[in-house]
C-alpha atoms as a PDB file:
ATOM      1  CA  UNK A   1     -32.036  11.730  -8.251  1.00  0.00           C
ATOM      2  CA  UNK A   2     -32.808   8.367  -6.690  1.00  0.00           C
ATOM      3  CA  UNK A   3     -29.552   6.949  -8.061  1.00  0.00           C
ATOM      4  CA  UNK A   4     -27.529   9.836  -6.534  1.00  0.00           C
ATOM      5  CA  UNK A   5     -29.183   9.330  -3.146  1.00  0.00           C
ATOM      6  CA  UNK A   6     -28.635   5.586  -3.293  1.00  0.00           C
ATOM      7  CA  UNK A   7     -24.939   6.065  -4.183  1.00  0.00           C
ATOM      8  CA  UNK A   8     -24.414   8.567  -1.349  1.00  0.00           C
ATOM      9  CA  UNK A   9     -26.162   6.201   1.064  1.00  0.00           C
ATOM     10  CA  UNK A  10     -23.999   3.217   0.043  1.00  0.00           C
ATOM     11  CA  UNK A  11     -20.822   5.267   0.317  1.00  0.00           C
ATOM     12  CA  UNK A  12     -21.831   6.499   3.799  1.00  0.00           C
ATOM     13  CA  UNK A  13     -22.501   2.913   4.823  1.00  0.00           C
ATOM     14  CA  UNK A  14     -19.098   1.811   3.554  1.00  0.00           C
ATOM     15  CA  UNK A  15     -17.320   4.631   5.476  1.00  0.00           C
ATOM     16  CA  UNK A  16     -19.260   3.838   8.622  1.00  0.00           C
ATOM     17  CA  UNK A  17     -18.288   0.177   8.363  1.00  0.00           C
ATOM     18  CA  UNK A  18     -14.598   1.005   8.027  1.00  0.00           C
ATOM     19  CA  UNK A  19     -14.823   3.474  10.931  1.00  0.00           C
ATOM     20  CA  UNK A  20     -16.482   0.859  13.132  1.00  0.00           C
ATOM     21  CA  UNK A  21     -13.799  -1.674  12.210  1.00  0.00           C
ATOM     22  CA  UNK A  22     -11.024   0.779  13.102  1.00  0.00           C
ATOM     23  CA  UNK A  23     -12.815   1.742  16.326  1.00  0.00           C
ATOM     24  CA  UNK A  24     -13.205  -1.878  17.438  1.00  0.00           C
ATOM     25  CA  UNK A  25      -9.627  -3.016  16.601  1.00  0.00           C
ATOM     26  CA  UNK A  26      -6.950  -2.791  19.276  1.00  0.00           C
ATOM     27  CA  UNK A  27      -4.993   0.476  18.682  1.00  0.00           C
ATOM     28  CA  UNK A  28      -6.922   0.984  15.428  1.00  0.00           C
ATOM     29  CA  UNK A  29      -4.647  -1.448  13.511  1.00  0.00           C
ATOM     30  CA  UNK A  30      -5.818  -3.794  10.795  1.00  0.00           C
ATOM     31  CA  UNK A  31      -4.538  -7.373  10.988  1.00  0.00           C
ATOM     32  CA  UNK A  32      -2.552  -8.766   8.110  1.00  0.00           C
ATOM     33  CA  UNK A  33      -1.946  -5.537   6.200  1.00  0.00           C
ATOM     34  CA  UNK A  34       1.393  -6.696   4.820  1.00  0.00           C
ATOM     35  CA  UNK A  35       1.287  -7.627   1.132  1.00  0.00           C
ATOM     36  CA  UNK A  36       3.526 -10.588   1.940  1.00  0.00           C
ATOM     37  CA  UNK A  37       0.482 -12.335   3.514  1.00  0.00           C
ATOM     38  CA  UNK A  38      -1.372 -12.554   0.216  1.00  0.00           C
ATOM     39  CA  UNK A  39      -0.316 -15.325  -2.193  1.00  0.00           C
ATOM     40  CA  UNK A  40      -1.998 -13.438  -5.027  1.00  0.00           C
ATOM     41  CA  UNK A  41       0.132 -10.330  -4.507  1.00  0.00           C
ATOM     42  CA  UNK A  42       3.366 -12.013  -3.551  1.00  0.00           C
ATOM     43  CA  UNK A  43       4.006 -14.963  -5.839  1.00  0.00           C
ATOM     44  CA  UNK A  44       7.787 -14.813  -5.538  1.00  0.00           C
ATOM     45  CA  UNK A  45       8.007 -14.752  -1.730  1.00  0.00           C
ATOM     46  CA  UNK A  46       9.507 -11.250  -1.528  1.00  0.00           C
ATOM     47  CA  UNK A  47       9.554  -9.420   1.836  1.00  0.00           C
ATOM     48  CA  UNK A  48       7.036  -6.665   2.626  1.00  0.00           C
ATOM     49  CA  UNK A  49       8.036  -3.270   1.241  1.00  0.00           C
ATOM     50  CA  UNK A  50       6.885  -1.436   4.404  1.00  0.00           C
ATOM     51  CA  UNK A  51       8.346  -3.538   7.215  1.00  0.00           C
ATOM     52  CA  UNK A  52      10.564  -6.199   5.593  1.00  0.00           C
ATOM     53  CA  UNK A  53       8.489  -9.081   6.911  1.00  0.00           C
ATOM     54  CA  UNK A  54       8.875 -12.398   5.047  1.00  0.00           C
ATOM     55  CA  UNK A  55       5.748 -14.423   4.115  1.00  0.00           C
ATOM     56  CA  UNK A  56       6.486 -17.165   6.656  1.00  0.00           C
ATOM     57  CA  UNK A  57       6.749 -14.653   9.548  1.00  0.00           C
ATOM     58  CA  UNK A  58       3.703 -13.847  11.677  1.00  0.00           C
ATOM     59  CA  UNK A  59       4.500 -10.363  13.052  1.00  0.00           C
ATOM     60  CA  UNK A  60       5.769  -7.229  11.359  1.00  0.00           C
ATOM     61  CA  UNK A  61       9.455  -6.603  11.980  1.00  0.00           C
ATOM     62  CA  UNK A  62       8.989  -2.902  12.530  1.00  0.00           C
ATOM     63  CA  UNK A  63       5.837  -2.053  14.493  1.00  0.00           C
ATOM     64  CA  UNK A  64       6.328   1.707  13.999  1.00  0.00           C
ATOM     65  CA  UNK A  65       5.955   1.317  10.189  1.00  0.00           C
ATOM     66  CA  UNK A  66       2.465  -0.254  10.311  1.00  0.00           C
ATOM     67  CA  UNK A  67      -0.459   1.838   9.218  1.00  0.00           C
ATOM     68  CA  UNK A  68      -2.359   3.532  12.012  1.00  0.00           C
END
């Protein structure tokens, strides 16, 4: 029973942390959500599948396609 309560408590803490991060970010957007920003995920330098942004670009090409 203690393990179940601990697990529920940790999950609640994780959800609260994500909610606070979304609440404090401007327009609820996470920075750097394009996979092209991560050298571990994009070893070949391909553009982002969501917005078409290249790794060397700073901003998403299509702001309406970002996660909200």
